[in-house]
Amino acid sequence: MAYKQFVPLTNMNFQINRVLTHGDEACREEELWEIAPRIAKFDFEAWYREWGELARRAESEGRFMHAAYYYRMAEFFLPDSMPEKDASYENFRRCFYQAVDKRLFESFEVPYEGKNLPAIRLKAKKEKGIVVIHGGYDSFMEEFYLQQRKLPEAGFTVILFEGPGQGRTLREGLKMTHEWERPVSAVLDFFDMDQVALVGVSLGGYLALRAAAFEPRIARVVAYDVVYDALECFVRNVPAQIRGTFLEMVRSGRKEEINSIIDQSRKKDDFMDWAVTHGMYITGSDTPFDYLQFFSKFTTKDISPRIRQDVLLMAGENDHLVPLEMYDRQKQALVNARSVRGRVFTAAEGGDQHCRVGNIELAFDEILKWLNELNPWPESRKG
């Protein structure tokens, strides 16, 4: 699928394409064009209403996977203070599990700090290796189901899981942590695995590299995409002339000034409004400033020299969320990695957007090619 211009607002348009990129299994493209004129403005209530109506239509027609993705979009921009957010999430999960053949995977609850992390395992018939996949800032593990099916078919058992601050774990009170080695270690312990490949999607590009820096049972790691410094990613949405000052204000603790700047920006910027609302939700922060101070921990600057695994870095030349220069900074920082391979996807090949939305096949083709070129897999793998 190509990346298309449904609405003029960059982030809203990206989210529509995020559904379209999965193709006919996730949506009917004509239905997305149908609602586009009604969600073309900075109006989250209209967004919720239109996606919700599409979801109910699809569900009534027995198109449960379509309904799942539509309910997901209905939920996306809602603040956690609205009960409709959790209701839409539950509808998403209910329709997803009605749509899939549950004989094709196993579900697990991984113990973690007195609660559980949900996980799904798709076993390869002739296993060459194990790939563990997680998301980042806003994804649910079920969203990756359609796009990762090439891996088991090619001999790689896949384990999808949600860590703190993601999906169901967030709704059960587990807030996001920058110390991603903790949930990853819990998953590796539970499945008795070592020498696995770890794939982190979106902000997961930081999280996976962080886990690899502290967890030697990870043999290979994929940053899909590279997030060298999450706070700097956020600050690119601040007017260019004050970005440096803004960063310094966050780092020096000027709370009231930061909160005032953000409150003004949220009134006219759809991405700023959603990013701050969602960021406070997943981190459990009371104010935008508190969220940004917490978010400043999400950088690989100091931990990159600890990474000794094989590393694959991926980036898009027109990523609206992560500046392309972070790809080069991250690549240069991996001074002790066993090997480093990178690829910047271009508009010409349709992979220039964040996380290859528009042509996600490119991403998993690249991951699969890389995994196969690194074979043979270490013999100490378990699972």
Protein backbone atom coordinates (compact mmCIF):
# COMPACT_ATOMS: atom_id res chain seq x y z
CA MET A 1 0.00 0.00 0.00
CA ALA A 2 1.20 3.54 -0.76
CA TYR A 3 1.21 6.39 1.76
CA LYS A 4 -1.76 8.62 0.92
CA GLN A 5 -3.00 12.10 1.81
CA PHE A 6 -6.40 11.69 3.46
CA VAL A 7 -6.43 14.82 5.63
CA PRO A 8 -4.16 17.90 5.92
CA LEU A 9 -3.09 17.39 9.56
CA THR A 10 0.15 15.39 9.55
CA ASN A 11 -0.40 13.21 12.61
CA MET A 12 -4.04 12.44 11.90
CA ASN A 13 -3.13 11.54 8.32
CA PHE A 14 -0.38 9.25 9.60
CA GLN A 15 -2.83 7.38 11.85
CA ILE A 16 -5.22 6.75 8.95
CA ASN A 17 -2.32 5.42 6.89
CA ARG A 18 -1.33 3.29 9.87
CA VAL A 19 -4.51 1.29 9.27
CA LEU A 20 -4.30 1.37 5.48
CA THR A 21 -0.74 0.03 5.47
CA HIS A 22 -2.01 -3.39 6.60
CA GLY A 23 -4.12 -3.62 3.45
CA ASP A 24 -7.45 -5.31 2.90
CA GLU A 25 -7.15 -7.47 6.00
CA ALA A 26 -7.33 -4.38 8.23
CA CYS A 27 -9.73 -2.09 6.39
CA ARG A 28 -11.67 -1.15 3.30
CA GLU A 29 -9.87 1.81 1.76
CA GLU A 30 -13.11 3.30 0.44
CA GLU A 31 -14.37 3.53 4.02
CA LEU A 32 -11.34 5.59 5.01
CA TRP A 33 -11.99 8.01 2.16
CA GLU A 34 -15.65 8.10 3.20
CA ILE A 35 -14.89 9.48 6.66
CA ALA A 36 -11.86 11.60 5.68
CA PRO A 37 -13.81 14.83 4.96
CA ARG A 38 -15.44 14.56 8.40
CA ILE A 39 -12.16 14.10 10.30
CA ALA A 40 -10.07 16.63 8.40
CA LYS A 41 -9.97 19.15 11.26
CA PHE A 42 -8.41 19.19 14.74
CA ASP A 43 -11.50 17.60 16.33
CA PHE A 44 -10.90 14.48 18.40
CA GLU A 45 -14.60 14.05 19.16
CA ALA A 46 -15.40 13.80 15.45
CA TRP A 47 -12.49 11.39 15.05
CA TYR A 48 -13.87 9.12 17.78
CA ARG A 49 -17.39 9.29 16.40
CA GLU A 50 -16.52 8.51 12.78
CA TRP A 51 -14.16 5.61 13.53
CA GLY A 52 -16.65 4.22 16.05
CA GLU A 53 -19.43 4.20 13.47
CA LEU A 54 -17.16 2.44 10.98
CA ALA A 55 -16.25 -0.13 13.63
CA ARG A 56 -19.87 -0.90 14.47
CA ARG A 57 -20.72 -1.22 10.78
CA ALA A 58 -17.85 -3.64 10.18
CA GLU A 59 -18.73 -5.67 13.26
CA SER A 60 -22.38 -5.93 12.23
CA GLU A 61 -21.19 -7.33 8.89
CA GLY A 62 -18.91 -9.88 10.54
CA ARG A 63 -15.71 -8.09 9.43
CA PHE A 64 -14.12 -8.47 12.84
CA MET A 65 -10.53 -7.58 11.93
CA HIS A 66 -11.72 -4.40 10.23
CA ALA A 67 -13.80 -3.62 13.31
CA ALA A 68 -10.78 -4.18 15.54
CA TYR A 69 -8.63 -1.69 13.66
CA TYR A 70 -11.46 0.83 13.50
CA TYR A 71 -12.12 0.56 17.25
CA ARG A 72 -8.38 1.02 17.74
CA MET A 73 -8.50 4.30 15.85
CA ALA A 74 -11.62 5.40 17.73
CA GLU A 75 -9.67 4.94 20.96
CA PHE A 76 -6.47 6.56 19.77
CA PHE A 77 -6.90 10.27 20.53
CA LEU A 78 -9.21 9.97 23.55
CA PRO A 79 -7.82 11.03 26.94
CA ASP A 80 -7.80 8.36 29.64
CA SER A 81 -10.32 10.44 31.63
CA MET A 82 -13.05 9.39 29.18
CA PRO A 83 -14.60 5.96 29.81
CA GLU A 84 -15.05 5.58 26.05
CA LYS A 85 -11.29 5.06 25.75
CA ASP A 86 -11.24 1.82 27.72
CA ALA A 87 -14.53 0.72 26.15
CA SER A 88 -13.08 1.15 22.65
CA TYR A 89 -9.94 -0.72 23.70
CA GLU A 90 -11.99 -3.66 24.98
CA ASN A 91 -13.98 -3.65 21.75
CA PHE A 92 -10.72 -3.69 19.81
CA ARG A 93 -9.46 -6.75 21.68
CA ARG A 94 -12.80 -8.55 21.53
CA CYS A 95 -13.06 -8.11 17.75
CA PHE A 96 -9.40 -8.98 17.19
CA TYR A 97 -9.69 -12.31 18.99
CA GLN A 98 -12.92 -13.06 17.13
CA ALA A 99 -11.13 -12.41 13.84
CA VAL A 100 -8.02 -14.55 14.32
CA ASP A 101 -7.66 -18.30 14.33
CA LYS A 102 -6.54 -18.85 17.93
CA ARG A 103 -5.15 -22.26 16.98
CA LEU A 104 -2.26 -20.44 15.28
CA PHE A 105 -0.79 -18.98 18.47
CA GLU A 106 -0.57 -19.43 22.23
CA SER A 107 -1.38 -16.77 24.83
CA PHE A 108 0.53 -16.32 28.09
CA GLU A 109 0.61 -14.18 31.22
CA VAL A 110 4.20 -13.36 32.22
CA PRO A 111 4.65 -12.53 35.94
CA TYR A 112 6.11 -9.07 36.44
CA GLU A 113 6.35 -7.04 39.65
CA GLY A 114 3.20 -8.51 41.17
CA LYS A 115 1.19 -8.27 37.94
CA ASN A 116 1.36 -9.83 34.47
CA LEU A 117 2.61 -8.94 31.01
CA PRO A 118 0.46 -10.42 28.21
CA ALA A 119 2.32 -12.34 25.52
CA ILE A 120 1.55 -14.26 22.34
CA ARG A 121 3.77 -16.96 20.84
CA LEU A 122 3.68 -18.06 17.20
CA LYS A 123 5.92 -21.09 16.80
CA ALA A 124 7.78 -21.88 13.62
CA LYS A 125 7.45 -25.45 12.40
CA LYS A 126 11.20 -25.72 11.74
CA GLU A 127 12.67 -23.24 14.16
CA LYS A 128 15.86 -21.40 13.20
CA GLY A 129 15.66 -18.79 15.94
CA ILE A 130 13.42 -16.82 18.30
CA VAL A 131 12.37 -13.22 17.74
CA VAL A 132 10.81 -11.19 20.57
CA ILE A 133 8.82 -8.13 19.45
CA HIS A 134 7.40 -5.20 21.42
CA GLY A 135 6.05 -1.75 20.68
CA GLY A 136 6.78 1.67 22.05
CA TYR A 137 4.81 4.81 22.86
CA ASP A 138 1.29 3.84 21.86
CA SER A 139 1.05 0.39 20.24
CA PHE A 140 -0.78 -2.79 21.23
CA MET A 141 0.83 -6.18 20.63
CA GLU A 142 -2.17 -7.36 18.59
CA GLU A 143 -1.45 -4.64 16.02
CA PHE A 144 1.75 -6.43 15.02
CA TYR A 145 0.03 -9.75 14.34
CA LEU A 146 -0.73 -9.15 10.65
CA GLN A 147 2.69 -7.76 9.75
CA GLN A 148 4.99 -10.28 11.45
CA ARG A 149 3.55 -13.51 10.05
CA LYS A 150 6.40 -13.83 7.57
CA LEU A 151 8.79 -14.67 10.38
CA PRO A 152 7.24 -17.98 11.58
CA GLU A 153 6.76 -18.99 7.95
CA ALA A 154 10.50 -18.41 7.45
CA GLY A 155 11.53 -20.43 10.50
CA PHE A 156 11.57 -17.86 13.30
CA THR A 157 9.35 -18.36 16.33
CA VAL A 158 7.84 -15.02 17.37
CA ILE A 159 6.90 -13.82 20.84
CA LEU A 160 4.91 -10.60 21.03
CA PHE A 161 4.52 -8.95 24.41
CA GLU A 162 3.33 -5.75 26.07
CA GLY A 163 5.52 -4.13 28.69
CA PRO A 164 4.73 -1.44 31.26
CA GLY A 165 2.85 1.52 29.80
CA GLN A 166 1.51 -0.44 26.84
CA GLY A 167 -1.90 -1.90 26.02
CA ARG A 168 -3.40 -4.06 28.72
CA THR A 169 -0.53 -3.61 31.18
CA LEU A 170 -1.17 0.13 31.22
CA ARG A 171 -4.83 -0.42 31.99
CA GLU A 172 -3.81 -2.66 34.87
CA GLY A 173 -1.67 0.06 36.41
CA LEU A 174 1.84 -0.62 35.07
CA LYS A 175 3.34 2.66 33.91
CA MET A 176 6.12 3.07 31.35
CA THR A 177 9.75 2.57 32.39
CA HIS A 178 12.92 3.56 30.57
CA GLU A 179 14.62 0.50 32.15
CA TRP A 180 13.27 -1.87 29.51
CA GLU A 181 15.65 -4.64 30.47
CA ARG A 182 13.32 -5.36 33.40
CA PRO A 183 10.25 -6.50 31.39
CA VAL A 184 12.45 -8.14 28.74
CA SER A 185 14.27 -10.14 31.41
CA ALA A 186 10.91 -11.25 32.84
CA VAL A 187 9.87 -12.53 29.40
CA LEU A 188 13.17 -14.34 28.86
CA ASP A 189 12.92 -15.91 32.32
CA PHE A 190 9.35 -17.05 31.76
CA PHE A 191 10.07 -18.76 28.43
CA ASP A 192 13.54 -19.94 29.55
CA MET A 193 15.25 -18.36 26.54
CA ASP A 194 18.62 -16.96 25.64
CA GLN A 195 20.33 -15.87 22.42
CA VAL A 196 17.14 -14.28 21.12
CA ALA A 197 16.63 -11.44 18.67
CA LEU A 198 14.76 -8.44 20.09
CA VAL A 199 12.78 -6.08 17.85
CA GLY A 200 11.52 -2.76 19.23
CA VAL A 201 9.03 -0.76 17.15
CA SER A 202 8.81 3.07 17.16
CA LEU A 203 9.88 4.27 20.65
CA GLY A 204 10.67 0.58 21.04
CA GLY A 205 13.79 1.41 19.03
CA TYR A 206 15.13 3.04 22.17
CA LEU A 207 13.63 0.43 24.51
CA ALA A 208 15.13 -2.55 22.66
CA LEU A 209 18.61 -1.02 22.57
CA ARG A 210 18.32 -0.18 26.26
CA ALA A 211 17.38 -3.79 27.04
CA ALA A 212 20.28 -5.09 24.94
CA ALA A 213 22.74 -2.92 26.88
CA PHE A 214 21.87 -4.73 30.13
CA GLU A 215 20.56 -8.16 29.08
CA PRO A 216 23.24 -10.54 27.66
CA ARG A 217 20.64 -13.13 26.66
CA ILE A 218 19.79 -10.85 23.73
CA ALA A 219 22.03 -11.85 20.81
CA ARG A 220 20.60 -9.55 18.14
CA VAL A 221 18.61 -6.34 18.35
CA VAL A 222 16.57 -4.29 15.88
CA ALA A 223 15.73 -0.61 16.34
CA TYR A 224 12.63 -0.23 14.16
CA ASP A 225 12.97 2.85 14.22
CA VAL A 226 15.99 4.57 15.77
CA VAL A 227 15.15 6.83 18.75
CA TYR A 228 18.48 8.10 20.01
CA ASP A 229 16.90 10.75 22.25
CA ALA A 230 13.13 10.75 22.84
CA LEU A 231 13.01 14.22 24.40
CA GLU A 232 14.68 15.71 21.34
CA CYS A 233 12.07 13.98 19.18
CA PHE A 234 9.35 15.72 21.17
CA VAL A 235 11.07 19.10 21.04
CA ARG A 236 11.14 19.11 17.24
CA ASN A 237 7.43 20.01 17.53
CA VAL A 238 8.33 23.21 19.36
CA PRO A 239 8.99 26.25 17.10
CA ALA A 240 12.56 26.04 15.77
CA GLN A 241 13.62 29.40 17.18
CA ILE A 242 12.99 28.31 20.80
CA ARG A 243 13.94 24.61 20.71
CA GLY A 244 17.32 25.05 22.37
CA THR A 245 15.85 27.31 25.05
CA PHE A 246 12.97 24.90 25.59
CA LEU A 247 15.32 21.95 26.13
CA GLU A 248 17.38 23.93 28.60
CA MET A 249 14.23 24.97 30.47
CA VAL A 250 13.16 21.32 30.81
CA ARG A 251 16.59 20.22 31.99
CA SER A 252 16.97 23.11 34.46
CA GLY A 253 13.56 22.57 36.07
CA ARG A 254 11.58 25.63 34.93
CA LYS A 255 8.26 23.89 35.47
CA GLU A 256 5.74 26.74 35.31
CA GLU A 257 7.22 28.18 32.12
CA ILE A 258 7.28 24.80 30.37
CA ASN A 259 3.69 24.02 31.37
CA SER A 260 2.57 27.42 30.08
CA ILE A 261 4.31 26.98 26.71
CA ILE A 262 2.85 23.51 26.24
CA ASP A 263 -0.66 24.53 27.28
CA GLN A 264 -0.64 27.22 24.59
CA SER A 265 0.76 24.86 21.95
CA ARG A 266 -1.80 22.15 22.67
CA LYS A 267 -4.63 24.48 21.67
CA LYS A 268 -3.48 24.66 18.05
CA ASP A 269 -1.37 21.53 17.43
CA ASP A 270 -3.04 18.12 17.19
CA PHE A 271 0.19 16.20 17.69
CA MET A 272 1.31 18.26 20.68
CA ASP A 273 -2.07 17.83 22.35
CA TRP A 274 -2.15 14.07 21.85
CA ALA A 275 1.54 13.48 22.62
CA VAL A 276 1.35 15.30 25.96
CA THR A 277 -1.98 13.75 26.96
CA HIS A 278 -0.80 10.26 26.09
CA GLY A 279 2.65 10.81 27.56
CA MET A 280 1.22 11.83 30.92
CA TYR A 281 -1.08 8.80 30.79
CA ILE A 282 1.58 6.16 30.09
CA THR A 283 4.11 7.62 32.54
CA GLY A 284 1.68 8.52 35.32
CA SER A 285 2.87 12.15 35.31
CA ASP A 286 0.80 14.96 36.82
CA THR A 287 1.91 17.77 34.50
CA PRO A 288 3.48 18.13 31.03
CA PHE A 289 6.73 19.22 32.65
CA ASP A 290 6.85 16.09 34.83
CA TYR A 291 6.25 13.94 31.79
CA LEU A 292 9.05 15.62 29.83
CA GLN A 293 11.49 15.31 32.71
CA PHE A 294 10.70 11.59 32.92
CA PHE A 295 10.94 11.30 29.14
CA SER A 296 14.43 12.80 29.21
CA LYS A 297 15.66 9.43 30.54
CA PHE A 298 14.78 7.78 27.21
CA THR A 299 18.12 8.21 25.45
CA THR A 300 20.83 5.76 24.41
CA LYS A 301 23.57 8.38 24.64
CA ASP A 302 25.22 6.92 27.74
CA ILE A 303 24.34 3.24 27.30
CA SER A 304 25.23 2.69 23.63
CA PRO A 305 28.84 1.63 24.40
CA ARG A 306 27.41 -1.23 26.50
CA ILE A 307 25.68 -2.77 23.48
CA ARG A 308 27.73 -5.70 22.18
CA GLN A 309 25.14 -7.51 20.07
CA ASP A 310 24.52 -7.59 16.33
CA VAL A 311 22.42 -4.48 15.63
CA LEU A 312 20.06 -3.51 12.81
CA LEU A 313 19.04 0.15 12.63
CA MET A 314 16.14 1.35 10.46
CA ALA A 315 14.95 4.87 9.66
CA GLY A 316 12.78 6.75 7.16
CA GLU A 317 13.97 9.82 5.31
CA ASN A 318 10.67 11.66 5.89
CA ASP A 319 9.82 10.42 9.39
CA HIS A 320 7.67 13.14 11.00
CA LEU A 321 8.31 11.83 14.52
CA VAL A 322 12.04 11.02 14.58
CA PRO A 323 14.64 13.30 12.95
CA LEU A 324 16.79 11.44 10.44
CA GLU A 325 19.99 12.71 12.05
CA MET A 326 19.31 10.42 15.02
CA TYR A 327 20.08 7.46 12.76
CA ASP A 328 23.64 8.68 12.19
CA ARG A 329 24.13 9.59 15.85
CA GLN A 330 23.00 6.16 16.96
CA LYS A 331 25.11 4.35 14.39
CA GLN A 332 28.23 6.24 15.45
CA ALA A 333 27.54 5.57 19.15
CA LEU A 334 27.56 1.76 18.77
CA VAL A 335 31.31 1.52 19.19
CA ASN A 336 31.35 -1.95 20.78
CA ALA A 337 28.56 -3.73 18.89
CA ARG A 338 29.50 -7.05 17.30
CA SER A 339 28.12 -5.76 14.01
CA VAL A 340 26.00 -2.80 12.92
CA ARG A 341 23.84 -2.70 9.82
CA GLY A 342 21.59 0.19 8.92
CA ARG A 343 19.13 1.19 6.28
CA VAL A 344 17.41 4.49 5.56
CA PHE A 345 14.21 3.88 3.61
CA THR A 346 13.30 6.39 0.92
CA ALA A 347 10.17 7.89 -0.60
CA ALA A 348 11.00 6.23 -3.90
CA GLU A 349 10.57 2.79 -2.34
CA GLY A 350 7.59 3.84 -0.21
CA GLY A 351 9.23 3.36 3.17
CA ASP A 352 10.13 6.93 4.08
CA GLN A 353 7.50 7.40 6.80
CA HIS A 354 7.72 6.48 10.48
CA CYS A 355 7.94 2.70 10.93
CA ARG A 356 7.54 2.21 7.15
CA VAL A 357 3.84 3.09 7.29
CA GLY A 358 2.87 3.04 3.64
CA ASN A 359 4.96 -0.06 2.91
CA ILE A 360 5.55 -2.09 6.08
CA GLU A 361 6.49 -5.13 4.02
CA LEU A 362 9.84 -3.42 3.46
CA ALA A 363 10.60 -3.46 7.18
CA PHE A 364 9.95 -7.14 7.78
CA ASP A 365 11.67 -8.11 4.55
CA GLU A 366 14.76 -6.25 5.80
CA ILE A 367 14.58 -7.85 9.25
CA LEU A 368 14.18 -11.32 7.76
CA LYS A 369 17.04 -10.81 5.33
CA TRP A 370 19.29 -9.62 8.16
CA LEU A 371 18.38 -12.54 10.42
CA ASN A 372 19.08 -15.05 7.68
CA GLU A 373 22.42 -13.46 6.78
CA LEU A 374 23.51 -13.70 10.42
CA ASN A 375 22.79 -17.42 10.66
CA PRO A 376 23.78 -19.88 12.03
CA TRP A 377 21.99 -19.06 15.24
CA PRO A 378 23.88 -19.65 18.53
CA GLU A 379 23.31 -23.20 19.78
CA SER A 380 22.52 -22.14 23.36
CA ARG A 381 19.11 -20.82 22.36
CA LYS A 382 16.17 -22.15 24.39
CA GLY A 383 12.43 -21.67 24.28
